[in-house]
Amino acid sequence: MQSRRVIMIVGNGEVPEGAAATIDAADLVVRFNDCRSVGRGGRKTDVIAVCNTGRPALSMLGGGRWKTSEPVRQAREFWSVRSGAKFAAMRAALAEAHPDLDDFCDDYTTGFESFARATGRRHRVVPIGTHEQLEQDLARFAPAPYVAPSSGLVVIADILSGTASAGDEIVLAGFGHSGWEWHPFAAERRFVNALAAEGRLRRLSPLPLPDLPQGA
């Protein structure tokens, strides 16, 4: 019988003070892109979820700094969060609505796949079905016009739909639900809060402050 795991999903936002040890004690720690959470958010890194299209992907693959960083060297797996087929299908409409995002759909999945293979790690692509279901679920929270859900939300949906087993505890840290203007962050916050209310995940709370000595 498989034991219950703690799966920690650590975004690149603010992490509660004193959370590093709690994060590092998790059975599975997932971080994102350049892993800016490392440090205050602990050091353990099992999976790095990468934005495999557009400028972020080109930046990670284009130089040696990302590939030789501590969390990348430590990671056992890389997950490409964007379906190449889905983003290719978005290209024509995006060119009209957002001509400044002309490279947004450029697909670098093969670059991450090759890097993983060359270094003996696993690579996987989040299925297109996860994207489709996520957008249906997100629609219930009245998102403002957006280009794509954030990588963080895609990974949450992916873990809930497949990676996690019954009884696993999914914990979020470093999710401020703010950043790039064309992610639907307000709706994402409401969606995650609803998942938490349903008991499907929880946010990592700040640790209580130690009792202060009384008197002068």
C-alpha atoms as a PDB file:
ATOM      1  CA  MET A   1       0.000   0.000   0.000  1.00  0.00           C
ATOM      2  CA  GLN A   2       1.445   3.360  -1.058  1.00  0.00           C
ATOM      3  CA  SER A   3       2.002   5.766   1.829  1.00  0.00           C
ATOM      4  CA  ARG A   4       0.488   9.220   1.811  1.00  0.00           C
ATOM      5  CA  ARG A   5       2.782  11.860   0.322  1.00  0.00           C
ATOM      6  CA  VAL A   6       3.121  15.584   0.810  1.00  0.00           C
ATOM      7  CA  ILE A   7       3.441  17.297  -2.573  1.00  0.00           C
ATOM      8  CA  MET A   8       4.743  20.842  -2.272  1.00  0.00           C
ATOM      9  CA  ILE A   9       4.176  23.204  -5.221  1.00  0.00           C
ATOM     10  CA  VAL A  10       6.396  26.243  -4.758  1.00  0.00           C
ATOM     11  CA  GLY A  11       5.763  29.292  -6.918  1.00  0.00           C
ATOM     12  CA  ASN A  12       8.130  32.210  -7.383  1.00  0.00           C
ATOM     13  CA  GLY A  13       6.189  34.585  -5.155  1.00  0.00           C
ATOM     14  CA  GLU A  14       6.662  35.354  -1.447  1.00  0.00           C
ATOM     15  CA  VAL A  15       7.179  32.308   0.761  1.00  0.00           C
ATOM     16  CA  PRO A  16       6.268  32.461   4.468  1.00  0.00           C
ATOM     17  CA  GLU A  17       9.140  33.200   6.833  1.00  0.00           C
ATOM     18  CA  GLY A  18      10.541  29.997   8.327  1.00  0.00           C
ATOM     19  CA  ALA A  19       8.973  27.745   5.671  1.00  0.00           C
ATOM     20  CA  ALA A  20      12.218  26.340   4.222  1.00  0.00           C
ATOM     21  CA  ALA A  21      12.436  23.291   6.489  1.00  0.00           C
ATOM     22  CA  THR A  22       8.766  22.430   5.949  1.00  0.00           C
ATOM     23  CA  ILE A  23       9.179  22.638   2.180  1.00  0.00           C
ATOM     24  CA  ASP A  24      12.370  20.582   2.178  1.00  0.00           C
ATOM     25  CA  ALA A  25      10.667  17.882   4.272  1.00  0.00           C
ATOM     26  CA  ALA A  26       7.997  17.263   1.599  1.00  0.00           C
ATOM     27  CA  ASP A  27       8.067  14.042  -0.394  1.00  0.00           C
ATOM     28  CA  LEU A  28       7.887  15.870  -3.731  1.00  0.00           C
ATOM     29  CA  VAL A  29       8.840  19.502  -4.348  1.00  0.00           C
ATOM     30  CA  VAL A  30       7.885  21.170  -7.630  1.00  0.00           C
ATOM     31  CA  ARG A  31       9.376  24.538  -8.591  1.00  0.00           C
ATOM     32  CA  PHE A  32       9.129  26.753 -11.677  1.00  0.00           C
ATOM     33  CA  ASN A  33      11.462  28.046 -14.389  1.00  0.00           C
ATOM     34  CA  ASP A  34      14.459  29.752 -12.768  1.00  0.00           C
ATOM     35  CA  CYS A  35      13.389  28.593  -9.281  1.00  0.00           C
ATOM     36  CA  ARG A  36      13.521  31.998  -7.611  1.00  0.00           C
ATOM     37  CA  SER A  37      11.901  30.330  -4.593  1.00  0.00           C
ATOM     38  CA  VAL A  38      15.151  28.555  -3.694  1.00  0.00           C
ATOM     39  CA  GLY A  39      16.617  30.004  -0.520  1.00  0.00           C
ATOM     40  CA  ARG A  40      13.848  31.317   1.691  1.00  0.00           C
ATOM     41  CA  GLY A  41      11.665  28.608   0.134  1.00  0.00           C
ATOM     42  CA  GLY A  42      14.085  25.776   0.893  1.00  0.00           C
ATOM     43  CA  ARG A  43      16.447  24.037  -1.494  1.00  0.00           C
ATOM     44  CA  LYS A  44      14.959  20.646  -2.286  1.00  0.00           C
ATOM     45  CA  THR A  45      13.902  20.443  -5.951  1.00  0.00           C
ATOM     46  CA  ASP A  46      12.501  17.241  -7.425  1.00  0.00           C
ATOM     47  CA  VAL A  47      10.654  18.660 -10.433  1.00  0.00           C
ATOM     48  CA  ILE A  48      11.062  21.884 -12.388  1.00  0.00           C
ATOM     49  CA  ALA A  49       8.026  22.916 -14.401  1.00  0.00           C
ATOM     50  CA  VAL A  50       9.177  25.046 -17.331  1.00  0.00           C
ATOM     51  CA  CYS A  51       7.376  27.484 -19.574  1.00  0.00           C
ATOM     52  CA  ASN A  52       8.423  25.797 -22.823  1.00  0.00           C
ATOM     53  CA  THR A  53       7.235  28.441 -25.284  1.00  0.00           C
ATOM     54  CA  GLY A  54       8.282  32.000 -26.030  1.00  0.00           C
ATOM     55  CA  ARG A  55      10.922  34.161 -24.411  1.00  0.00           C
ATOM     56  CA  PRO A  56      11.148  32.395 -21.029  1.00  0.00           C
ATOM     57  CA  ALA A  57      12.000  29.109 -22.763  1.00  0.00           C
ATOM     58  CA  LEU A  58      14.545  30.746 -25.042  1.00  0.00           C
ATOM     59  CA  SER A  59      16.191  32.419 -22.066  1.00  0.00           C
ATOM     60  CA  MET A  60      16.501  29.173 -20.106  1.00  0.00           C
ATOM     61  CA  LEU A  61      17.846  27.137 -22.996  1.00  0.00           C
ATOM     62  CA  GLY A  62      19.959  29.864 -24.564  1.00  0.00           C
ATOM     63  CA  GLY A  63      22.676  30.120 -21.934  1.00  0.00           C
ATOM     64  CA  GLY A  64      24.489  27.960 -19.433  1.00  0.00           C
ATOM     65  CA  ARG A  65      23.382  29.748 -16.284  1.00  0.00           C
ATOM     66  CA  TRP A  66      19.999  28.013 -15.988  1.00  0.00           C
ATOM     67  CA  LYS A  67      21.324  24.582 -16.960  1.00  0.00           C
ATOM     68  CA  THR A  68      24.088  24.671 -14.361  1.00  0.00           C
ATOM     69  CA  SER A  69      22.107  26.203 -11.503  1.00  0.00           C
ATOM     70  CA  GLU A  70      21.748  24.254  -8.263  1.00  0.00           C
ATOM     71  CA  PRO A  71      18.015  23.449  -8.550  1.00  0.00           C
ATOM     72  CA  VAL A  72      18.335  22.366 -12.193  1.00  0.00           C
ATOM     73  CA  ARG A  73      21.252  20.081 -11.352  1.00  0.00           C
ATOM     74  CA  GLN A  74      19.243  18.612  -8.479  1.00  0.00           C
ATOM     75  CA  ALA A  75      15.942  18.059 -10.321  1.00  0.00           C
ATOM     76  CA  ARG A  76      14.944  14.537 -11.332  1.00  0.00           C
ATOM     77  CA  GLU A  77      12.280  15.624 -13.817  1.00  0.00           C
ATOM     78  CA  PHE A  78      11.348  18.523 -16.090  1.00  0.00           C
ATOM     79  CA  TRP A  79       7.736  19.201 -16.989  1.00  0.00           C
ATOM     80  CA  SER A  80       6.909  21.330 -20.024  1.00  0.00           C
ATOM     81  CA  VAL A  81       3.691  23.046 -19.002  1.00  0.00           C
ATOM     82  CA  ARG A  82       2.428  24.105 -22.433  1.00  0.00           C
ATOM     83  CA  SER A  83       1.055  21.833 -25.123  1.00  0.00           C
ATOM     84  CA  GLY A  84       2.802  22.658 -28.401  1.00  0.00           C
ATOM     85  CA  ALA A  85      -0.327  21.742 -30.381  1.00  0.00           C
ATOM     86  CA  LYS A  86      -2.570  24.005 -28.311  1.00  0.00           C
ATOM     87  CA  PHE A  87      -0.248  26.977 -28.543  1.00  0.00           C
ATOM     88  CA  ALA A  88       0.300  26.476 -32.270  1.00  0.00           C
ATOM     89  CA  ALA A  89      -3.480  26.631 -32.702  1.00  0.00           C
ATOM     90  CA  MET A  90      -3.533  29.946 -30.789  1.00  0.00           C
ATOM     91  CA  ARG A  91      -0.975  31.624 -33.033  1.00  0.00           C
ATOM     92  CA  ALA A  92      -3.257  33.118 -35.716  1.00  0.00           C
ATOM     93  CA  ALA A  93      -5.769  34.649 -33.294  1.00  0.00           C
ATOM     94  CA  LEU A  94      -2.992  35.887 -31.040  1.00  0.00           C
ATOM     95  CA  ALA A  95      -1.275  37.617 -33.965  1.00  0.00           C
ATOM     96  CA  GLU A  96      -4.393  39.752 -34.447  1.00  0.00           C
ATOM     97  CA  ALA A  97      -5.232  40.398 -30.804  1.00  0.00           C
ATOM     98  CA  HIS A  98      -1.682  40.768 -29.472  1.00  0.00           C
ATOM     99  CA  PRO A  99       0.785  41.414 -32.316  1.00  0.00           C
ATOM    100  CA  ASP A 100       3.461  42.260 -29.736  1.00  0.00           C
ATOM    101  CA  LEU A 101       3.400  38.604 -28.626  1.00  0.00           C
ATOM    102  CA  ASP A 102       4.609  37.342 -31.996  1.00  0.00           C
ATOM    103  CA  ASP A 103       6.998  34.832 -30.378  1.00  0.00           C
ATOM    104  CA  PHE A 104       4.669  33.725 -27.581  1.00  0.00           C
ATOM    105  CA  CYS A 105       3.776  30.439 -29.290  1.00  0.00           C
ATOM    106  CA  ASP A 106       7.297  29.528 -30.416  1.00  0.00           C
ATOM    107  CA  ASP A 107       7.737  25.980 -29.138  1.00  0.00           C
ATOM    108  CA  TYR A 108      11.001  24.912 -27.465  1.00  0.00           C
ATOM    109  CA  THR A 109       9.780  21.605 -26.074  1.00  0.00           C
ATOM    110  CA  THR A 110      12.374  19.609 -28.006  1.00  0.00           C
ATOM    111  CA  GLY A 111      15.131  21.688 -26.397  1.00  0.00           C
ATOM    112  CA  PHE A 112      14.019  20.725 -22.895  1.00  0.00           C
ATOM    113  CA  GLU A 113      13.486  17.137 -23.977  1.00  0.00           C
ATOM    114  CA  SER A 114      17.017  16.961 -25.398  1.00  0.00           C
ATOM    115  CA  PHE A 115      18.517  18.535 -22.276  1.00  0.00           C
ATOM    116  CA  ALA A 116      16.714  16.054 -20.030  1.00  0.00           C
ATOM    117  CA  ARG A 117      17.813  13.105 -22.157  1.00  0.00           C
ATOM    118  CA  ALA A 118      21.433  14.279 -22.283  1.00  0.00           C
ATOM    119  CA  THR A 119      21.567  14.591 -18.493  1.00  0.00           C
ATOM    120  CA  GLY A 120      19.705  11.372 -17.690  1.00  0.00           C
ATOM    121  CA  ARG A 121      16.524  12.947 -16.393  1.00  0.00           C
ATOM    122  CA  ARG A 122      12.840  12.471 -17.239  1.00  0.00           C
ATOM    123  CA  HIS A 123      10.887  14.935 -19.355  1.00  0.00           C
ATOM    124  CA  ARG A 124       7.140  15.087 -19.819  1.00  0.00           C
ATOM    125  CA  VAL A 125       4.642  17.485 -21.384  1.00  0.00           C
ATOM    126  CA  VAL A 126       1.446  18.411 -19.558  1.00  0.00           C
ATOM    127  CA  PRO A 127      -1.345  16.887 -21.692  1.00  0.00           C
ATOM    128  CA  ILE A 128      -3.489  19.138 -23.848  1.00  0.00           C
ATOM    129  CA  GLY A 129      -6.554  17.717 -22.085  1.00  0.00           C
ATOM    130  CA  THR A 130      -5.356  19.268 -18.827  1.00  0.00           C
ATOM    131  CA  HIS A 131      -5.299  22.705 -20.490  1.00  0.00           C
ATOM    132  CA  GLU A 132      -8.760  22.243 -21.971  1.00  0.00           C
ATOM    133  CA  GLN A 133     -10.331  21.113 -18.691  1.00  0.00           C
ATOM    134  CA  LEU A 134      -8.563  23.868 -16.757  1.00  0.00           C
ATOM    135  CA  GLU A 135      -9.986  26.560 -18.997  1.00  0.00           C
ATOM    136  CA  GLN A 136     -13.485  25.112 -18.572  1.00  0.00           C
ATOM    137  CA  ASP A 137     -13.052  25.077 -14.791  1.00  0.00           C
ATOM    138  CA  LEU A 138     -11.575  28.569 -14.758  1.00  0.00           C
ATOM    139  CA  ALA A 139     -14.536  29.950 -16.720  1.00  0.00           C
ATOM    140  CA  ARG A 140     -16.707  29.534 -13.606  1.00  0.00           C
ATOM    141  CA  PHE A 141     -14.701  32.316 -11.948  1.00  0.00           C
ATOM    142  CA  ALA A 142     -15.385  34.967 -14.606  1.00  0.00           C
ATOM    143  CA  PRO A 143     -11.832  35.646 -15.765  1.00  0.00           C
ATOM    144  CA  ALA A 144     -11.110  38.914 -17.533  1.00  0.00           C
ATOM    145  CA  PRO A 145      -9.819  38.502 -21.112  1.00  0.00           C
ATOM    146  CA  TYR A 146      -6.534  36.603 -20.945  1.00  0.00           C
ATOM    147  CA  VAL A 147      -3.966  34.891 -23.164  1.00  0.00           C
ATOM    148  CA  ALA A 148      -3.164  31.791 -21.101  1.00  0.00           C
ATOM    149  CA  PRO A 149      -3.437  30.537 -17.523  1.00  0.00           C
ATOM    150  CA  SER A 150      -0.246  30.809 -15.500  1.00  0.00           C
ATOM    151  CA  SER A 151       2.203  27.916 -15.389  1.00  0.00           C
ATOM    152  CA  GLY A 152       1.470  27.583 -11.685  1.00  0.00           C
ATOM    153  CA  LEU A 153      -2.224  26.982 -12.250  1.00  0.00           C
ATOM    154  CA  VAL A 154      -1.531  24.503 -15.055  1.00  0.00           C
ATOM    155  CA  VAL A 155       0.717  22.493 -12.751  1.00  0.00           C
ATOM    156  CA  ILE A 156      -1.839  22.561  -9.936  1.00  0.00           C
ATOM    157  CA  ALA A 157      -4.451  21.209 -12.352  1.00  0.00           C
ATOM    158  CA  ASP A 158      -2.036  18.597 -13.693  1.00  0.00           C
ATOM    159  CA  ILE A 159      -1.110  17.317 -10.241  1.00  0.00           C
ATOM    160  CA  LEU A 160      -4.738  17.181  -9.129  1.00  0.00           C
ATOM    161  CA  SER A 161      -5.751  15.293 -12.262  1.00  0.00           C
ATOM    162  CA  GLY A 162      -2.961  12.744 -12.419  1.00  0.00           C
ATOM    163  CA  THR A 163       0.232  13.017 -10.402  1.00  0.00           C
ATOM    164  CA  ALA A 164      -1.361  12.954  -6.962  1.00  0.00           C
ATOM    165  CA  SER A 165      -2.775   9.750  -5.549  1.00  0.00           C
ATOM    166  CA  ALA A 166      -5.736   9.457  -3.214  1.00  0.00           C
ATOM    167  CA  GLY A 167      -4.693  10.649   0.219  1.00  0.00           C
ATOM    168  CA  ASP A 168      -1.767  12.762  -0.951  1.00  0.00           C
ATOM    169  CA  GLU A 169      -1.620  16.221   0.585  1.00  0.00           C
ATOM    170  CA  ILE A 170      -1.032  19.052  -1.892  1.00  0.00           C
ATOM    171  CA  VAL A 171       0.443  22.205  -0.389  1.00  0.00           C
ATOM    172  CA  LEU A 172       1.055  25.553  -2.111  1.00  0.00           C
ATOM    173  CA  ALA A 173       3.688  28.125  -1.233  1.00  0.00           C
ATOM    174  CA  GLY A 174       4.871  31.197  -3.111  1.00  0.00           C
ATOM    175  CA  PHE A 175       1.586  31.811  -4.933  1.00  0.00           C
ATOM    176  CA  GLY A 176       0.750  35.507  -4.843  1.00  0.00           C
ATOM    177  CA  HIS A 177      -1.445  35.341  -7.965  1.00  0.00           C
ATOM    178  CA  SER A 178       0.119  38.428  -9.508  1.00  0.00           C
ATOM    179  CA  GLY A 179       2.492  39.111 -12.373  1.00  0.00           C
ATOM    180  CA  TRP A 180       2.110  39.149 -16.159  1.00  0.00           C
ATOM    181  CA  GLU A 181      -0.965  41.138 -17.166  1.00  0.00           C
ATOM    182  CA  TRP A 182      -2.289  38.503 -19.596  1.00  0.00           C
ATOM    183  CA  HIS A 183      -2.619  35.722 -17.020  1.00  0.00           C
ATOM    184  CA  PRO A 184      -6.081  35.725 -15.344  1.00  0.00           C
ATOM    185  CA  PHE A 185      -4.680  36.065 -11.837  1.00  0.00           C
ATOM    186  CA  ALA A 186      -7.818  37.352 -10.091  1.00  0.00           C
ATOM    187  CA  ALA A 187      -9.832  34.383 -11.346  1.00  0.00           C
ATOM    188  CA  GLU A 188      -6.932  32.030 -10.566  1.00  0.00           C
ATOM    189  CA  ARG A 189      -6.919  33.209  -6.961  1.00  0.00           C
ATOM    190  CA  ARG A 190     -10.662  32.542  -6.654  1.00  0.00           C
ATOM    191  CA  PHE A 191     -10.234  29.124  -8.275  1.00  0.00           C
ATOM    192  CA  VAL A 192      -7.418  28.103  -5.902  1.00  0.00           C
ATOM    193  CA  ASN A 193      -9.384  29.384  -2.907  1.00  0.00           C
ATOM    194  CA  ALA A 194     -12.310  27.214  -4.021  1.00  0.00           C
ATOM    195  CA  LEU A 195     -10.030  24.172  -4.287  1.00  0.00           C
ATOM    196  CA  ALA A 196      -8.755  24.887  -0.787  1.00  0.00           C
ATOM    197  CA  ALA A 197     -12.319  25.215   0.535  1.00  0.00           C
ATOM    198  CA  GLU A 198     -13.075  21.802  -0.979  1.00  0.00           C
ATOM    199  CA  GLY A 199     -10.076  20.326   0.832  1.00  0.00           C
ATOM    200  CA  ARG A 200      -8.255  19.412  -2.375  1.00  0.00           C
ATOM    201  CA  LEU A 201      -5.172  21.443  -1.423  1.00  0.00           C
ATOM    202  CA  ARG A 202      -4.007  23.935   1.159  1.00  0.00           C
ATOM    203  CA  ARG A 203      -1.769  26.954   1.299  1.00  0.00           C
ATOM    204  CA  LEU A 204       1.338  26.817   3.479  1.00  0.00           C
ATOM    205  CA  SER A 205       0.637  29.121   6.415  1.00  0.00           C
ATOM    206  CA  PRO A 206       3.264  31.256   8.138  1.00  0.00           C
ATOM    207  CA  LEU A 207       4.748  29.556  11.174  1.00  0.00           C
ATOM    208  CA  PRO A 208       3.637  31.007  14.514  1.00  0.00           C
ATOM    209  CA  LEU A 209       6.087  33.407  16.125  1.00  0.00           C
ATOM    210  CA  PRO A 210       7.854  32.075  19.224  1.00  0.00           C
ATOM    211  CA  ASP A 211       6.538  33.264  22.572  1.00  0.00           C
ATOM    212  CA  LEU A 212       8.321  36.413  23.660  1.00  0.00           C
ATOM    213  CA  PRO A 213       9.636  36.646  27.239  1.00  0.00           C
ATOM    214  CA  GLN A 214       7.352  38.564  29.553  1.00  0.00           C
ATOM    215  CA  GLY A 215       8.444  41.570  31.557  1.00  0.00           C
ATOM    216  CA  ALA A 216      11.311  43.984  31.223  1.00  0.00           C
END
